[in-house]
Protein backbone atom coordinates (compact mmCIF):
# COMPACT_ATOMS: atom_id res chain seq x y z
CA MET A 1 0.00 0.00 0.00
CA ARG A 2 2.79 2.43 0.84
CA ALA A 3 4.52 1.74 -2.47
CA LEU A 4 1.27 2.33 -4.33
CA ALA A 5 0.65 5.59 -2.43
CA ALA A 6 4.15 6.79 -3.23
CA ARG A 7 3.59 6.16 -6.95
CA LEU A 8 0.24 7.94 -6.92
CA ARG A 9 1.57 11.04 -5.03
CA PRO A 10 2.14 14.04 -7.37
CA ALA A 11 5.74 14.96 -8.12
CA TRP A 12 5.32 18.50 -6.79
CA VAL A 13 4.39 17.39 -3.27
CA PHE A 14 7.38 17.58 -0.91
CA PRO A 15 7.88 15.07 1.85
CA ALA A 16 6.73 16.27 5.27
CA ARG A 17 10.25 16.09 6.68
CA LEU A 18 11.48 18.63 4.09
CA LEU A 19 8.83 21.23 4.86
CA PRO A 20 9.73 23.96 7.43
CA ARG A 21 8.35 23.35 10.84
CA ARG A 22 5.95 25.87 12.26
CA ARG A 23 6.96 27.45 15.54
CA PRO A 24 4.45 27.08 18.29
CA SER A 25 2.59 30.36 18.83
CA PHE A 26 2.83 31.98 22.26
CA SER A 27 -0.45 33.09 23.66
CA LEU A 28 -1.38 34.51 27.04
CA SER A 29 -4.25 33.34 28.97
CA ALA A 30 -7.11 35.72 29.72
CA ARG A 31 -6.04 35.94 33.35
CA MET A 32 -2.45 36.81 32.43
CA ARG A 33 -3.61 39.47 29.99
CA ARG A 34 -5.74 41.11 32.68
CA ARG A 35 -2.78 41.20 35.09
CA LEU A 36 -0.46 42.69 32.50
CA SER A 37 -2.97 45.40 31.60
CA LEU A 38 -3.44 46.23 35.27
CA ALA A 39 0.33 46.54 35.80
CA LEU A 40 0.77 48.88 32.81
CA ALA A 41 -2.12 51.04 33.97
CA THR A 42 -0.62 51.30 37.45
CA ILE A 43 2.76 52.36 36.07
CA ALA A 44 1.13 55.00 33.87
CA LEU A 45 -0.83 56.32 36.84
CA LEU A 46 2.29 56.61 39.01
CA VAL A 47 4.21 58.42 36.27
CA GLY A 48 1.34 60.84 35.77
CA LEU A 49 1.08 61.51 39.50
CA TYR A 50 4.81 62.26 39.68
CA PHE A 51 4.87 64.71 36.79
CA PHE A 52 1.61 66.49 37.58
CA TRP A 53 1.43 66.41 41.37
CA ILE A 54 4.16 64.74 43.48
CA ARG A 55 7.15 66.73 42.16
CA ASP A 56 5.34 70.03 42.75
CA ILE A 57 3.90 69.42 46.23
CA GLY A 58 4.83 71.74 49.05
CA PHE A 59 6.87 69.14 50.90
CA VAL A 60 9.68 69.39 48.31
CA LYS A 61 9.32 73.12 47.63
CA VAL A 62 12.60 75.04 47.55
CA ASP A 63 12.91 77.01 50.77
CA ARG A 64 16.68 77.54 50.85
CA VAL A 65 18.91 78.66 47.96
CA SER A 66 22.71 78.48 48.05
CA VAL A 67 24.48 80.50 45.32
CA SER A 68 28.25 80.25 44.73
CA GLY A 69 30.71 81.50 42.11
CA LEU A 70 29.65 85.15 42.11
CA THR A 71 32.20 87.97 41.94
CA GLY A 72 32.17 91.56 40.81
CA LYS A 73 29.60 94.33 40.87
CA GLU A 74 26.76 92.27 39.41
CA ALA A 75 26.87 89.66 42.20
CA PRO A 76 24.01 91.10 44.35
CA GLY A 77 21.65 91.43 41.37
CA VAL A 78 22.42 87.94 40.08
CA ARG A 79 21.87 86.41 43.52
CA ALA A 80 18.51 88.12 43.98
CA ALA A 81 17.29 87.06 40.52
CA LEU A 82 18.27 83.44 41.11
CA GLU A 83 16.58 83.33 44.52
CA ARG A 84 13.32 84.69 43.09
CA ALA A 85 13.32 82.15 40.27
CA ALA A 86 14.26 79.23 42.53
CA ALA A 87 11.45 80.02 44.97
CA GLN A 88 8.95 78.92 42.31
CA MET A 89 10.51 75.45 41.99
CA THR A 90 10.80 72.22 43.94
CA THR A 91 13.80 69.97 44.44
CA LEU A 92 12.06 67.33 42.31
CA HIS A 93 11.40 69.79 39.48
CA VAL A 94 14.42 72.03 38.90
CA GLU A 95 14.20 74.07 35.69
CA THR A 96 17.69 75.25 34.76
CA ASP A 97 16.43 77.07 31.66
CA LYS A 98 14.24 79.30 33.84
CA LEU A 99 17.21 80.11 36.06
CA GLU A 100 19.28 81.08 33.02
CA ARG A 101 16.49 83.29 31.67
CA ALA A 102 16.28 85.01 35.05
CA VAL A 103 19.91 86.18 34.77
CA ALA A 104 20.00 86.75 31.00
CA ALA A 105 20.29 90.51 31.59
CA PHE A 106 23.64 90.08 33.37
CA PRO A 107 26.45 89.68 30.80
CA SER A 108 28.93 88.37 33.38
CA VAL A 109 26.98 85.09 33.73
CA ALA A 110 28.06 82.42 31.25
CA ARG A 111 25.94 79.49 32.49
CA ILE A 112 24.10 78.11 35.52
CA GLU A 113 24.52 74.73 37.23
CA ALA A 114 21.81 73.69 39.70
CA THR A 115 21.89 70.70 42.08
CA PRO A 116 18.86 69.88 44.29
CA ASP A 117 19.37 68.75 47.87
CA PHE A 118 16.28 66.91 49.13
CA PRO A 119 13.95 67.96 50.55
CA GLY A 120 14.06 71.76 50.18
CA THR A 121 17.57 73.06 49.33
CA LEU A 122 18.77 74.11 45.88
CA ARG A 123 22.49 74.68 45.31
CA ILE A 124 23.30 76.94 42.35
CA THR A 125 26.77 77.43 40.89
CA VAL A 126 27.30 80.45 38.63
CA VAL A 127 29.99 80.17 35.95
CA GLU A 128 31.10 83.69 35.06
CA ARG A 129 32.69 85.01 31.90
CA VAL A 130 36.37 85.93 32.12
CA ALA A 131 37.28 89.55 31.40
CA ALA A 132 39.96 89.22 28.73
CA ALA A 133 40.84 92.75 27.63
CA VAL A 134 39.68 96.33 27.17
CA VAL A 135 38.69 96.85 23.53
CA ALA A 136 39.01 100.39 22.23
CA PRO A 137 36.95 100.73 19.03
CA ALA A 138 37.62 103.46 16.52
CA GLN A 139 33.98 104.50 16.87
CA GLY A 140 32.77 104.49 20.45
CA LYS A 141 34.07 104.21 23.99
CA PRO A 142 36.42 101.52 25.32
CA VAL A 143 34.70 98.58 27.00
CA THR A 144 35.70 95.44 28.87
CA VAL A 145 35.19 92.33 26.74
CA ALA A 146 35.07 88.66 27.72
CA THR A 147 36.88 85.79 26.02
CA ASP A 148 33.86 84.97 23.84
CA GLY A 149 33.48 88.60 22.72
CA THR A 150 30.66 89.58 25.10
CA VAL A 151 30.80 93.18 26.29
CA LEU A 152 30.91 93.18 30.10
CA GLY A 153 30.78 96.89 30.83
CA PRO A 154 33.07 99.91 31.33
CA PRO A 155 36.86 99.51 31.17
CA SER A 156 38.45 97.60 34.04
CA LYS A 157 41.92 98.06 35.44
CA GLY A 158 44.65 95.48 35.05
CA LEU A 159 43.68 94.38 31.53
CA PRO A 160 45.50 94.85 28.21
CA SER A 161 44.07 97.31 25.72
CA LEU A 162 43.30 96.16 22.17
CA PRO A 163 42.44 98.61 19.38
CA LEU A 164 39.52 97.72 17.10
CA ARG A 165 38.75 99.16 13.71
CA GLY A 166 35.14 100.22 13.42
CA ALA A 167 32.46 99.93 16.10
CA ILE A 168 31.06 97.22 18.39
CA ALA A 169 27.58 96.12 17.33
CA SER A 170 24.96 94.36 19.48
CA LYS A 171 27.12 94.43 22.60
CA ARG A 172 29.39 91.77 21.19
CA VAL A 173 32.72 91.67 19.35
CA SER A 174 32.52 89.42 16.31
CA ALA A 175 35.72 90.18 14.38
CA PRO A 176 37.62 86.84 14.00
CA GLY A 177 41.03 88.45 14.48
CA MET A 178 39.96 90.17 17.69
CA LEU A 179 38.38 86.96 19.03
CA ARG A 180 41.72 85.16 18.60
CA LEU A 181 43.52 87.83 20.61
CA LEU A 182 40.82 87.73 23.30
CA ALA A 183 41.18 83.95 23.58
CA VAL A 184 44.92 84.27 24.28
CA SER A 185 44.47 87.10 26.78
CA GLY A 186 41.60 85.40 28.60
CA ALA A 187 43.59 82.18 29.03
CA ALA A 188 46.45 83.98 30.80
CA PRO A 189 46.90 83.35 34.55
CA ALA A 190 45.51 86.12 36.70
CA GLY A 191 49.01 87.08 37.86
CA LEU A 192 50.29 87.53 34.30
CA ARG A 193 47.19 89.02 32.68
CA GLY A 194 47.79 92.29 34.49
CA GLU A 195 51.38 92.39 33.22
CA ILE A 196 50.41 92.20 29.54
CA GLU A 197 51.41 95.37 27.71
CA SER A 198 50.31 94.40 24.22
CA ILE A 199 48.93 91.52 22.15
CA ALA A 200 49.27 91.69 18.39
CA GLN A 201 48.91 89.49 15.33
CA THR A 202 52.17 89.42 13.35
CA ARG A 203 52.95 87.90 10.00
CA GLY A 204 56.05 85.98 10.90
CA HIS A 205 55.24 84.68 14.40
CA GLY A 206 51.45 84.78 14.70
CA ILE A 207 50.12 86.11 18.00
CA VAL A 208 52.86 87.81 20.03
CA VAL A 209 52.44 88.90 23.65
CA LYS A 210 54.73 91.45 25.28
CA LEU A 211 54.84 91.59 29.06
CA GLY A 212 57.19 94.49 29.62
CA GLU A 213 60.76 95.66 29.41
CA GLY A 214 63.35 93.02 30.19
CA VAL A 215 60.92 90.12 29.67
CA PRO A 216 61.13 87.94 26.55
CA GLU A 217 58.21 88.28 24.17
CA LEU A 218 55.90 85.29 23.96
CA ARG A 219 55.23 83.87 20.51
CA PHE A 220 51.99 81.88 20.58
CA GLY A 221 51.51 81.23 16.88
CA ASP A 222 47.71 80.82 17.10
CA GLU A 223 45.11 80.78 19.85
CA ARG A 224 44.77 77.01 20.07
CA ARG A 225 45.86 75.42 23.37
CA ALA A 226 46.35 78.86 24.86
CA ARG A 227 46.16 77.62 28.46
CA ALA A 228 48.88 75.02 27.89
CA LYS A 229 51.08 77.67 26.25
CA TRP A 230 50.61 80.05 29.16
CA ALA A 231 51.51 77.25 31.58
CA ALA A 232 54.75 76.61 29.68
CA ALA A 233 55.52 80.34 29.61
CA SER A 234 54.94 80.68 33.37
CA ALA A 235 57.33 77.83 34.10
CA LEU A 236 60.07 79.34 31.93
CA LEU A 237 59.65 82.91 33.18
CA ALA A 238 60.22 81.64 36.72
CA ASP A 239 63.79 80.76 35.68
CA PRO A 240 66.10 83.82 36.08
CA GLU A 241 68.32 82.68 33.20
CA VAL A 242 65.43 82.92 30.73
CA SER A 243 65.11 86.69 31.30
CA ASP A 244 68.22 87.17 29.16
CA GLY A 245 66.41 85.73 26.13
CA ALA A 246 64.73 87.76 23.42
CA TYR A 247 61.68 85.55 22.92
CA ILE A 248 59.99 82.29 23.93
CA ASP A 249 58.50 80.20 21.14
CA LEU A 250 55.36 78.52 22.53
CA ARG A 251 53.92 77.02 19.37
CA LEU A 252 54.65 73.58 20.81
CA PRO A 253 53.89 73.96 24.54
CA GLU A 254 55.49 70.59 25.30
CA ARG A 255 58.78 71.83 23.85
CA PRO A 256 59.03 75.61 24.26
CA ALA A 257 62.17 77.23 22.88
CA VAL A 258 64.02 80.27 24.23
CA GLY A 259 65.79 82.36 21.60
CA GLY A 260 68.28 85.22 21.70
CA LEU A 261 70.17 84.17 24.82
CA THR A 262 73.43 86.10 25.35
CA PRO A 263 76.54 84.42 26.84
CA LYS A 264 77.10 85.30 30.45
CA ALA A 265 80.26 87.12 31.65
CA LEU A 266 82.93 84.85 33.05
CA PRO A 267 83.31 84.94 36.84
CA VAL A 268 86.38 86.73 38.27
CA LYS A 269 88.63 85.31 40.95
CA PRO A 270 88.24 87.08 44.28
CA GLY A 271 91.21 89.30 45.06
CA ALA A 272 92.73 92.46 43.74
CA GLU A 273 90.96 94.59 41.21
CA GLY A 274 91.68 93.88 37.62
CA ALA A 275 92.19 90.17 38.23
CA ALA A 276 91.90 87.95 35.19
CA PRO A 277 88.63 86.07 34.68
CA VAL A 278 88.43 82.45 35.64
CA VAL A 279 88.33 80.22 32.61
CA PRO A 280 87.01 76.71 33.16
CA GLU A 281 89.52 73.99 32.57
CA GLN A 282 87.40 72.33 29.97
CA ALA A 283 87.31 75.58 28.01
CA VAL A 284 91.13 75.86 27.71
CA PRO A 285 92.22 74.48 24.33
CA GLU A 286 94.91 71.90 24.51
CA GLN A 287 98.19 73.10 23.03
CA ALA A 288 100.14 70.77 20.84
CA LEU A 289 103.44 69.80 22.36
CA PRO A 290 106.56 70.08 20.16
CA GLU A 291 107.71 66.88 18.63
CA GLN A 292 110.57 65.32 20.55
CA ALA A 293 113.50 63.78 18.83
CA PRO A 294 113.71 60.06 19.20
CA PRO A 295 116.25 59.00 21.83
CA GLU A 296 119.72 58.25 20.55
CA GLN A 297 120.52 54.60 20.32
CA ALA A 298 123.39 53.42 22.43
CA PRO A 299 126.38 51.96 20.51
CA PRO A 300 126.49 48.19 20.38
CA VAL A 301 128.47 46.45 23.07
CA VAL A 302 131.76 45.05 21.70
CA PRO A 303 133.36 42.16 23.54
CA GLU A 304 136.88 42.60 24.73
CA GLY A 305 139.55 41.66 22.25
CA GLN A 306 137.42 42.38 19.15
CA ALA A 307 137.58 45.43 16.90
CA PRO A 308 134.42 47.51 16.55
CA PRO A 309 132.42 46.89 13.36
CA THR A 310 133.07 49.22 10.44
CA PRO A 311 129.97 51.29 9.56
CA ALA A 312 128.55 50.93 6.08
CA PRO A 313 129.41 53.71 3.62
CA ILE A 314 126.71 56.40 3.11
CA ASP A 315 125.80 57.27 -0.46
CA PRO A 316 125.79 61.03 -1.20
CA VAL A 317 122.44 62.77 -1.93
CA GLN A 318 122.06 63.14 -5.63
């Protein structure tokens, strides 16, 4: 019978073992589906309660504001504006964008960092802009400008002065060349920024900073890695021997080069005036000694009773 069935089966019918097996379908029971739906609904309810009620309840309302990082004349106004804005928040719902909008009128504020301290304290850190230089435009009054070009206010003492062609528009300096100089000046350590006499863009050496008479000029090249270049310059300027140089090349801050060093005067032996300078032994050139004649050879020993040998005749020089 099996042989007959195999002969009668059409050629296009594949054997059952060659057909792909169907994977068993996974289905939940009605009870399991009800439990899953109830769990999802509970999660959604808790999330909604948190966003619309729990995070804004009075128990977590901000009742104490701690502000740090403020300096300068705008500090009292910035502190008051932040405290007013923070009083409308809770420690579970801190809105940093609202805090930044509250102090947008103060150009000294660069950004705001807020950290809640449960249950009712909000700690705010103010990151201020660095005053880089006093920009003196050809049209208008000199103003203090930050590293990013933001005008901070009237001129401040202890900052280098940079001339600017034209005028300052929209309370911000946008000239690319001036922004490069501001980046170098703003990256200087506080102790050296007040010593800067001039910053200029030169053709041969890029940005050059002059600190004063008797101090080598600092050749930065460009404004990139300005902090690392200032760190290398500070380390070299602390060495008294470097003050004799004409310049310090800082284009590679890992390998700064000092150029224009002059040889130091030789030390003088203590004693009477007019004594000759002391020359190190290794600096004294060795003098060639005169050639010495080879030692004369002693005549050969002749035994007693024998006549001395007759020397060979010498041919005359032709």
